[in-house]
């Protein structure tokens, strides 16, 4: 019985190790949107050009998030 528990833990750890990069993609995409959206909102408040920099920041964050997502997916598929 103890051997079976070790095997199950090993399988679970292996599954998390394989799923980790895929789980990271969502956080990377969302993080870029949040950071650049916040930066755009801050610039809007400083320059009083209200939706301009927020929209630009969101699109920049989205573009960088997709770029990072494609980069990570390419690294995963090469392995």
PDB file of N, CA and C in Angstrom:
ATOM      1  N   UNK A   1       0.790  -1.209   0.000  1.00  0.00           N
ATOM      2  CA  UNK A   1       0.000   0.000   0.000  1.00  0.00           C
ATOM      3  C   UNK A   1       0.837   1.281   0.000  1.00  0.00           C
ATOM      4  N   UNK A   2       1.897   1.405   0.806  1.00  0.00           N
ATOM      5  CA  UNK A   2       2.666   2.647   0.796  1.00  0.00           C
ATOM      6  C   UNK A   2       3.274   2.943  -0.569  1.00  0.00           C
ATOM      7  N   UNK A   3       3.650   1.884  -1.297  1.00  0.00           N
ATOM      8  CA  UNK A   3       4.230   2.095  -2.624  1.00  0.00           C
ATOM      9  C   UNK A   3       3.199   2.717  -3.566  1.00  0.00           C
ATOM     10  N   UNK A   4       1.951   2.296  -3.433  1.00  0.00           N
ATOM     11  CA  UNK A   4       0.888   2.829  -4.286  1.00  0.00           C
ATOM     12  C   UNK A   4       0.678   4.320  -4.015  1.00  0.00           C
ATOM     13  N   UNK A   5       0.750   4.736  -2.747  1.00  0.00           N
ATOM     14  CA  UNK A   5       0.593   6.152  -2.416  1.00  0.00           C
ATOM     15  C   UNK A   5       1.725   6.975  -3.008  1.00  0.00           C
ATOM     16  N   UNK A   6       2.946   6.467  -2.943  1.00  0.00           N
ATOM     17  CA  UNK A   6       4.077   7.188  -3.526  1.00  0.00           C
ATOM     18  C   UNK A   6       3.913   7.317  -5.029  1.00  0.00           C
ATOM     19  N   UNK A   7       3.424   6.278  -5.651  1.00  0.00           N
ATOM     20  CA  UNK A   7       3.220   6.308  -7.089  1.00  0.00           C
ATOM     21  C   UNK A   7       2.157   7.341  -7.448  1.00  0.00           C
ATOM     22  N   UNK A   8       1.097   7.410  -6.677  1.00  0.00           N
ATOM     23  CA  UNK A   8       0.042   8.379  -6.947  1.00  0.00           C
ATOM     24  C   UNK A   8       0.556   9.805  -6.766  1.00  0.00           C
ATOM     25  N   UNK A   9       1.326  10.045  -5.718  1.00  0.00           N
ATOM     26  CA  UNK A   9       1.892  11.376  -5.508  1.00  0.00           C
ATOM     27  C   UNK A   9       2.831  11.736  -6.642  1.00  0.00           C
ATOM     28  N   UNK A  10       3.594  10.763  -7.089  1.00  0.00           N
ATOM     29  CA  UNK A  10       4.507  10.997  -8.199  1.00  0.00           C
ATOM     30  C   UNK A  10       3.738  11.345  -9.471  1.00  0.00           C
ATOM     31  N   UNK A  11       2.643  10.645  -9.718  1.00  0.00           N
ATOM     32  CA  UNK A  11       1.825  10.933 -10.895  1.00  0.00           C
ATOM     33  C   UNK A  11       1.192  12.318 -10.806  1.00  0.00           C
ATOM     34  N   UNK A  12       0.744  12.688  -9.627  1.00  0.00           N
ATOM     35  CA  UNK A  12       0.144  14.012  -9.437  1.00  0.00           C
ATOM     36  C   UNK A  12       1.186  15.097  -9.650  1.00  0.00           C
ATOM     37  N   UNK A  13       2.363  14.917  -9.077  1.00  0.00           N
ATOM     38  CA  UNK A  13       3.436  15.897  -9.268  1.00  0.00           C
ATOM     39  C   UNK A  13       3.815  16.019 -10.733  1.00  0.00           C
ATOM     40  N   UNK A  14       3.863  14.910 -11.431  1.00  0.00           N
ATOM     41  CA  UNK A  14       4.190  14.922 -12.850  1.00  0.00           C
ATOM     42  C   UNK A  14       3.116  15.662 -13.651  1.00  0.00           C
ATOM     43  N   UNK A  15       1.854  15.460 -13.293  1.00  0.00           N
ATOM     44  CA  UNK A  15       0.760  16.149 -13.985  1.00  0.00           C
ATOM     45  C   UNK A  15       0.847  17.659 -13.768  1.00  0.00           C
ATOM     46  N   UNK A  16       1.125  18.086 -12.542  1.00  0.00           N
ATOM     47  CA  UNK A  16       1.265  19.520 -12.272  1.00  0.00           C
ATOM     48  C   UNK A  16       2.471  20.105 -12.995  1.00  0.00           C
ATOM     49  N   UNK A  17       3.538  19.351 -13.073  1.00  0.00           N
ATOM     50  CA  UNK A  17       4.737  19.817 -13.772  1.00  0.00           C
ATOM     51  C   UNK A  17       4.444  20.025 -15.259  1.00  0.00           C
ATOM     52  N   UNK A  18       3.660  19.130 -15.831  1.00  0.00           N
ATOM     53  CA  UNK A  18       3.308  19.261 -17.244  1.00  0.00           C
ATOM     54  C   UNK A  18       2.296  20.376 -17.480  1.00  0.00           C
ATOM     55  N   UNK A  19       1.394  20.595 -16.536  1.00  0.00           N
ATOM     56  CA  UNK A  19       0.345  21.602 -16.700  1.00  0.00           C
ATOM     57  C   UNK A  19       0.816  23.003 -16.344  1.00  0.00           C
ATOM     58  N   UNK A  20       1.909  23.129 -15.616  1.00  0.00           N
ATOM     59  CA  UNK A  20       2.383  24.425 -15.144  1.00  0.00           C
ATOM     60  C   UNK A  20       2.535  25.488 -16.211  1.00  0.00           C
ATOM     61  N   UNK A  21       3.235  25.209 -17.294  1.00  0.00           N
ATOM     62  CA  UNK A  21       3.388  26.246 -18.328  1.00  0.00           C
ATOM     63  C   UNK A  21       2.056  26.689 -18.927  1.00  0.00           C
ATOM     64  N   UNK A  22       1.119  25.766 -19.072  1.00  0.00           N
ATOM     65  CA  UNK A  22      -0.187  26.126 -19.625  1.00  0.00           C
ATOM     66  C   UNK A  22      -0.969  27.005 -18.654  1.00  0.00           C
ATOM     67  N   UNK A  23      -0.858  26.718 -17.371  1.00  0.00           N
ATOM     68  CA  UNK A  23      -1.532  27.532 -16.369  1.00  0.00           C
ATOM     69  C   UNK A  23      -0.922  28.925 -16.294  1.00  0.00           C
ATOM     70  N   UNK A  24       0.351  29.031 -16.558  1.00  0.00           N
ATOM     71  CA  UNK A  24       1.053  30.309 -16.506  1.00  0.00           C
ATOM     72  C   UNK A  24       0.616  31.245 -17.630  1.00  0.00           C
ATOM     73  N   UNK A  25       0.150  30.706 -18.740  1.00  0.00           N
ATOM     74  CA  UNK A  25      -0.235  31.523 -19.894  1.00  0.00           C
ATOM     75  C   UNK A  25      -1.349  32.500 -19.526  1.00  0.00           C
ATOM     76  N   UNK A  26      -2.349  32.043 -18.815  1.00  0.00           N
ATOM     77  CA  UNK A  26      -3.464  32.910 -18.431  1.00  0.00           C
ATOM     78  C   UNK A  26      -3.026  34.053 -17.537  1.00  0.00           C
ATOM     79  N   UNK A  27      -2.149  33.751 -16.589  1.00  0.00           N
ATOM     80  CA  UNK A  27      -1.656  34.796 -15.701  1.00  0.00           C
ATOM     81  C   UNK A  27      -0.807  35.813 -16.449  1.00  0.00           C
ATOM     82  N   UNK A  28      -0.039  35.355 -17.398  1.00  0.00           N
ATOM     83  CA  UNK A  28       0.794  36.259 -18.187  1.00  0.00           C
ATOM     84  C   UNK A  28      -0.068  37.200 -19.009  1.00  0.00           C
ATOM     85  N   UNK A  29      -1.084  36.659 -19.648  1.00  0.00           N
ATOM     86  CA  UNK A  29      -1.978  37.472 -20.467  1.00  0.00           C
ATOM     87  C   UNK A  29      -2.721  38.487 -19.607  1.00  0.00           C
ATOM     88  N   UNK A  30      -3.287  38.037 -18.520  1.00  0.00           N
ATOM     89  CA  UNK A  30      -4.037  38.916 -17.635  1.00  0.00           C
ATOM     90  C   UNK A  30      -3.137  39.956 -16.970  1.00  0.00           C
ATOM     91  N   UNK A  31      -1.942  39.560 -16.590  1.00  0.00           N
ATOM     92  CA  UNK A  31      -1.008  40.489 -15.942  1.00  0.00           C
ATOM     93  C   UNK A  31      -0.628  41.647 -16.846  1.00  0.00           C
ATOM     94  N   UNK A  32      -0.361  41.369 -18.113  1.00  0.00           N
ATOM     95  CA  UNK A  32      -0.024  42.437 -19.054  1.00  0.00           C
ATOM     96  C   UNK A  32      -1.164  43.418 -19.235  1.00  0.00           C
ATOM     97  N   UNK A  33      -2.379  42.909 -19.328  1.00  0.00           N
ATOM     98  CA  UNK A  33      -3.544  43.777 -19.498  1.00  0.00           C
ATOM     99  C   UNK A  33      -3.737  44.649 -18.264  1.00  0.00           C
ATOM    100  N   UNK A  34      -3.603  44.075 -17.088  1.00  0.00           N
ATOM    101  CA  UNK A  34      -3.804  44.840 -15.852  1.00  0.00           C
ATOM    102  C   UNK A  34      -2.729  45.908 -15.689  1.00  0.00           C
ATOM    103  N   UNK A  35      -1.469  45.541 -15.887  1.00  0.00           N
ATOM    104  CA  UNK A  35      -0.368  46.494 -15.684  1.00  0.00           C
ATOM    105  C   UNK A  35      -0.463  47.655 -16.668  1.00  0.00           C
ATOM    106  N   UNK A  36      -0.621  47.350 -17.948  1.00  0.00           N
ATOM    107  CA  UNK A  36      -0.663  48.427 -18.932  1.00  0.00           C
ATOM    108  C   UNK A  36      -1.980  49.200 -18.878  1.00  0.00           C
ATOM    109  N   UNK A  37      -3.063  48.547 -18.479  1.00  0.00           N
ATOM    110  CA  UNK A  37      -4.320  49.262 -18.268  1.00  0.00           C
ATOM    111  C   UNK A  37      -4.196  50.260 -17.127  1.00  0.00           C
ATOM    112  N   UNK A  38      -3.564  49.840 -16.051  1.00  0.00           N
ATOM    113  CA  UNK A  38      -3.345  50.740 -14.914  1.00  0.00           C
ATOM    114  C   UNK A  38      -2.435  51.903 -15.307  1.00  0.00           C
ATOM    115  N   UNK A  39      -1.373  51.594 -16.037  1.00  0.00           N
ATOM    116  CA  UNK A  39      -0.461  52.641 -16.493  1.00  0.00           C
ATOM    117  C   UNK A  39      -1.182  53.635 -17.403  1.00  0.00           C
ATOM    118  N   UNK A  40      -2.021  53.131 -18.308  1.00  0.00           N
ATOM    119  CA  UNK A  40      -2.801  54.004 -19.178  1.00  0.00           C
ATOM    120  C   UNK A  40      -3.772  54.867 -18.395  1.00  0.00           C
ATOM    121  N   UNK A  41      -4.410  54.298 -17.396  1.00  0.00           N
ATOM    122  CA  UNK A  41      -5.331  55.061 -16.554  1.00  0.00           C
ATOM    123  C   UNK A  41      -4.588  56.153 -15.792  1.00  0.00           C
ATOM    124  N   UNK A  42      -3.407  55.834 -15.296  1.00  0.00           N
ATOM    125  CA  UNK A  42      -2.597  56.819 -14.580  1.00  0.00           C
ATOM    126  C   UNK A  42      -2.198  57.968 -15.508  1.00  0.00           C
ATOM    127  N   UNK A  43      -1.789  57.626 -16.741  1.00  0.00           N
ATOM    128  CA  UNK A  43      -1.431  58.669 -17.709  1.00  0.00           C
ATOM    129  C   UNK A  43      -2.639  59.516 -18.086  1.00  0.00           C
ATOM    130  N   UNK A  44      -3.812  58.912 -18.173  1.00  0.00           N
ATOM    131  CA  UNK A  44      -5.030  59.670 -18.463  1.00  0.00           C
ATOM    132  C   UNK A  44      -5.308  60.702 -17.376  1.00  0.00           C
ATOM    133  N   UNK A  45      -5.128  60.312 -16.131  1.00  0.00           N
ATOM    134  CA  UNK A  45      -5.361  61.248 -15.031  1.00  0.00           C
ATOM    135  C   UNK A  45      -4.351  62.385 -15.044  1.00  0.00           C
ATOM    136  N   UNK A  46      -3.112  62.089 -15.432  1.00  0.00           N
ATOM    137  CA  UNK A  46      -2.078  63.129 -15.473  1.00  0.00           C
ATOM    138  C   UNK A  46      -2.288  64.096 -16.639  1.00  0.00           C
ATOM    139  N   UNK A  47      -2.734  63.586 -17.780  1.00  0.00           N
ATOM    140  CA  UNK A  47      -2.836  64.422 -18.981  1.00  0.00           C
ATOM    141  C   UNK A  47      -4.257  64.872 -19.286  1.00  0.00           C
ATOM    142  N   UNK A  48      -5.247  64.367 -18.566  1.00  0.00           N
ATOM    143  CA  UNK A  48      -6.662  64.687 -18.765  1.00  0.00           C
ATOM    144  C   UNK A  48      -7.150  64.354 -20.180  1.00  0.00           C
ATOM    145  N   UNK A  49      -6.623  63.301 -20.761  1.00  0.00           N
ATOM    146  CA  UNK A  49      -7.080  62.790 -22.059  1.00  0.00           C
ATOM    147  C   UNK A  49      -7.805  61.468 -21.811  1.00  0.00           C
ATOM    148  N   UNK A  50      -8.896  61.547 -21.099  1.00  0.00           N
ATOM    149  CA  UNK A  50      -9.457  60.416 -20.372  1.00  0.00           C
ATOM    150  C   UNK A  50      -9.455  59.055 -21.047  1.00  0.00           C
ATOM    151  N   UNK A  51     -10.111  58.707 -22.070  1.00  0.00           N
ATOM    152  CA  UNK A  51     -10.031  57.274 -22.390  1.00  0.00           C
ATOM    153  C   UNK A  51      -8.845  56.894 -23.274  1.00  0.00           C
ATOM    154  N   UNK A  52      -8.083  57.861 -23.747  1.00  0.00           N
ATOM    155  CA  UNK A  52      -7.059  57.590 -24.757  1.00  0.00           C
ATOM    156  C   UNK A  52      -5.982  56.626 -24.269  1.00  0.00           C
ATOM    157  N   UNK A  53      -5.265  56.990 -23.223  1.00  0.00           N
ATOM    158  CA  UNK A  53      -4.146  56.161 -22.768  1.00  0.00           C
ATOM    159  C   UNK A  53      -4.614  54.848 -22.138  1.00  0.00           C
ATOM    160  N   UNK A  54      -5.810  54.857 -21.554  1.00  0.00           N
ATOM    161  CA  UNK A  54      -6.352  53.613 -21.009  1.00  0.00           C
ATOM    162  C   UNK A  54      -6.565  52.601 -22.129  1.00  0.00           C
ATOM    163  N   UNK A  55      -7.176  53.039 -23.212  1.00  0.00           N
ATOM    164  CA  UNK A  55      -7.422  52.140 -24.342  1.00  0.00           C
ATOM    165  C   UNK A  55      -6.109  51.688 -24.966  1.00  0.00           C
ATOM    166  N   UNK A  56      -5.185  52.626 -25.147  1.00  0.00           N
ATOM    167  CA  UNK A  56      -3.878  52.271 -25.708  1.00  0.00           C
ATOM    168  C   UNK A  56      -3.167  51.281 -24.787  1.00  0.00           C
ATOM    169  N   UNK A  57      -3.205  51.530 -23.491  1.00  0.00           N
ATOM    170  CA  UNK A  57      -2.563  50.633 -22.531  1.00  0.00           C
ATOM    171  C   UNK A  57      -3.165  49.237 -22.546  1.00  0.00           C
ATOM    172  N   UNK A  58      -4.494  49.170 -22.656  1.00  0.00           N
ATOM    173  CA  UNK A  58      -5.137  47.856 -22.711  1.00  0.00           C
ATOM    174  C   UNK A  58      -4.732  47.089 -23.964  1.00  0.00           C
ATOM    175  N   UNK A  59      -4.678  47.792 -25.100  1.00  0.00           N
ATOM    176  CA  UNK A  59      -4.274  47.116 -26.333  1.00  0.00           C
ATOM    177  C   UNK A  59      -2.798  46.704 -26.304  1.00  0.00           C
ATOM    178  N   UNK A  60      -1.956  47.544 -25.732  1.00  0.00           N
ATOM    179  CA  UNK A  60      -0.536  47.184 -25.614  1.00  0.00           C
ATOM    180  C   UNK A  60      -0.383  45.969 -24.691  1.00  0.00           C
ATOM    181  N   UNK A  61      -1.087  45.983 -23.571  1.00  0.00           N
ATOM    182  CA  UNK A  61      -1.044  44.840 -22.658  1.00  0.00           C
ATOM    183  C   UNK A  61      -1.562  43.572 -23.307  1.00  0.00           C
ATOM    184  N   UNK A  62      -2.624  43.695 -24.088  1.00  0.00           N
ATOM    185  CA  UNK A  62      -3.169  42.541 -24.791  1.00  0.00           C
ATOM    186  C   UNK A  62      -2.184  42.010 -25.824  1.00  0.00           C
ATOM    187  N   UNK A  63      -1.576  42.929 -26.580  1.00  0.00           N
ATOM    188  CA  UNK A  63      -0.608  42.514 -27.604  1.00  0.00           C
ATOM    189  C   UNK A  63       0.605  41.835 -26.972  1.00  0.00           C
ATOM    190  N   UNK A  64       1.138  42.419 -25.901  1.00  0.00           N
ATOM    191  CA  UNK A  64       2.289  41.802 -25.231  1.00  0.00           C
ATOM    192  C   UNK A  64       1.917  40.471 -24.582  1.00  0.00           C
ATOM    193  N   UNK A  65       0.706  40.401 -24.054  1.00  0.00           N
ATOM    194  CA  UNK A  65       0.243  39.142 -23.477  1.00  0.00           C
ATOM    195  C   UNK A  65       0.146  38.041 -24.518  1.00  0.00           C
ATOM    196  N   UNK A  66      -0.398  38.377 -25.698  1.00  0.00           N
ATOM    197  CA  UNK A  66      -0.466  37.384 -26.771  1.00  0.00           C
ATOM    198  C   UNK A  66       0.926  37.009 -27.266  1.00  0.00           C
ATOM    199  N   UNK A  67       1.816  37.991 -27.332  1.00  0.00           N
ATOM    200  CA  UNK A  67       3.190  37.703 -27.751  1.00  0.00           C
ATOM    201  C   UNK A  67       3.844  36.708 -26.791  1.00  0.00           C
ATOM    202  N   UNK A  68       3.703  36.969 -25.497  1.00  0.00           N
ATOM    203  CA  UNK A  68       4.277  36.053 -24.499  1.00  0.00           C
ATOM    204  C   UNK A  68       3.609  34.684 -24.551  1.00  0.00           C
ATOM    205  N   UNK A  69       2.297  34.668 -24.797  1.00  0.00           N
ATOM    206  CA  UNK A  69       1.583  33.406 -24.888  1.00  0.00           C
ATOM    207  C   UNK A  69       2.108  32.574 -26.060  1.00  0.00           C
ATOM    208  N   UNK A  70       2.304  33.202 -27.206  1.00  0.00           N
ATOM    209  CA  UNK A  70       2.824  32.495 -28.373  1.00  0.00           C
ATOM    210  C   UNK A  70       4.242  32.008 -28.111  1.00  0.00           C
ATOM    211  N   UNK A  71       5.040  32.845 -27.444  1.00  0.00           N
ATOM    212  CA  UNK A  71       6.414  32.461 -27.125  1.00  0.00           C
ATOM    213  C   UNK A  71       6.446  31.241 -26.207  1.00  0.00           C
ATOM    214  N   UNK A  72       5.612  31.229 -25.190  1.00  0.00           N
ATOM    215  CA  UNK A  72       5.565  30.100 -24.260  1.00  0.00           C
ATOM    216  C   UNK A  72       5.049  28.846 -24.967  1.00  0.00           C
ATOM    217  N   UNK A  73       4.030  28.992 -25.799  1.00  0.00           N
ATOM    218  CA  UNK A  73       3.505  27.829 -26.516  1.00  0.00           C
ATOM    219  C   UNK A  73       4.537  27.249 -27.475  1.00  0.00           C
ATOM    220  N   UNK A  74       5.314  28.110 -28.112  1.00  0.00           N
ATOM    221  CA  UNK A  74       6.380  27.614 -28.988  1.00  0.00           C
ATOM    222  C   UNK A  74       7.443  26.858 -28.195  1.00  0.00           C
ATOM    223  N   UNK A  75       7.785  27.355 -27.008  1.00  0.00           N
ATOM    224  CA  UNK A  75       8.763  26.663 -26.168  1.00  0.00           C
ATOM    225  C   UNK A  75       8.234  25.309 -25.714  1.00  0.00           C
ATOM    226  N   UNK A  76       6.954  25.253 -25.399  1.00  0.00           N
ATOM    227  CA  UNK A  76       6.360  24.003 -24.935  1.00  0.00           C
ATOM    228  C   UNK A  76       6.339  22.969 -26.056  1.00  0.00           C
ATOM    229  N   UNK A  77       5.976  23.402 -27.251  1.00  0.00           N
ATOM    230  CA  UNK A  77       5.866  22.443 -28.352  1.00  0.00           C
ATOM    231  C   UNK A  77       7.229  21.958 -28.830  1.00  0.00           C
ATOM    232  N   UNK A  78       8.284  22.717 -28.583  1.00  0.00           N
ATOM    233  CA  UNK A  78       9.627  22.288 -28.978  1.00  0.00           C
ATOM    234  C   UNK A  78      10.173  21.200 -28.074  1.00  0.00           C
ATOM    235  N   UNK A  79       9.670  21.111 -26.860  1.00  0.00           N
ATOM    236  CA  UNK A  79      10.190  20.130 -25.893  1.00  0.00           C
ATOM    237  C   UNK A  79       9.783  18.731 -26.248  1.00  0.00           C
TER     238      UNK A  79
END
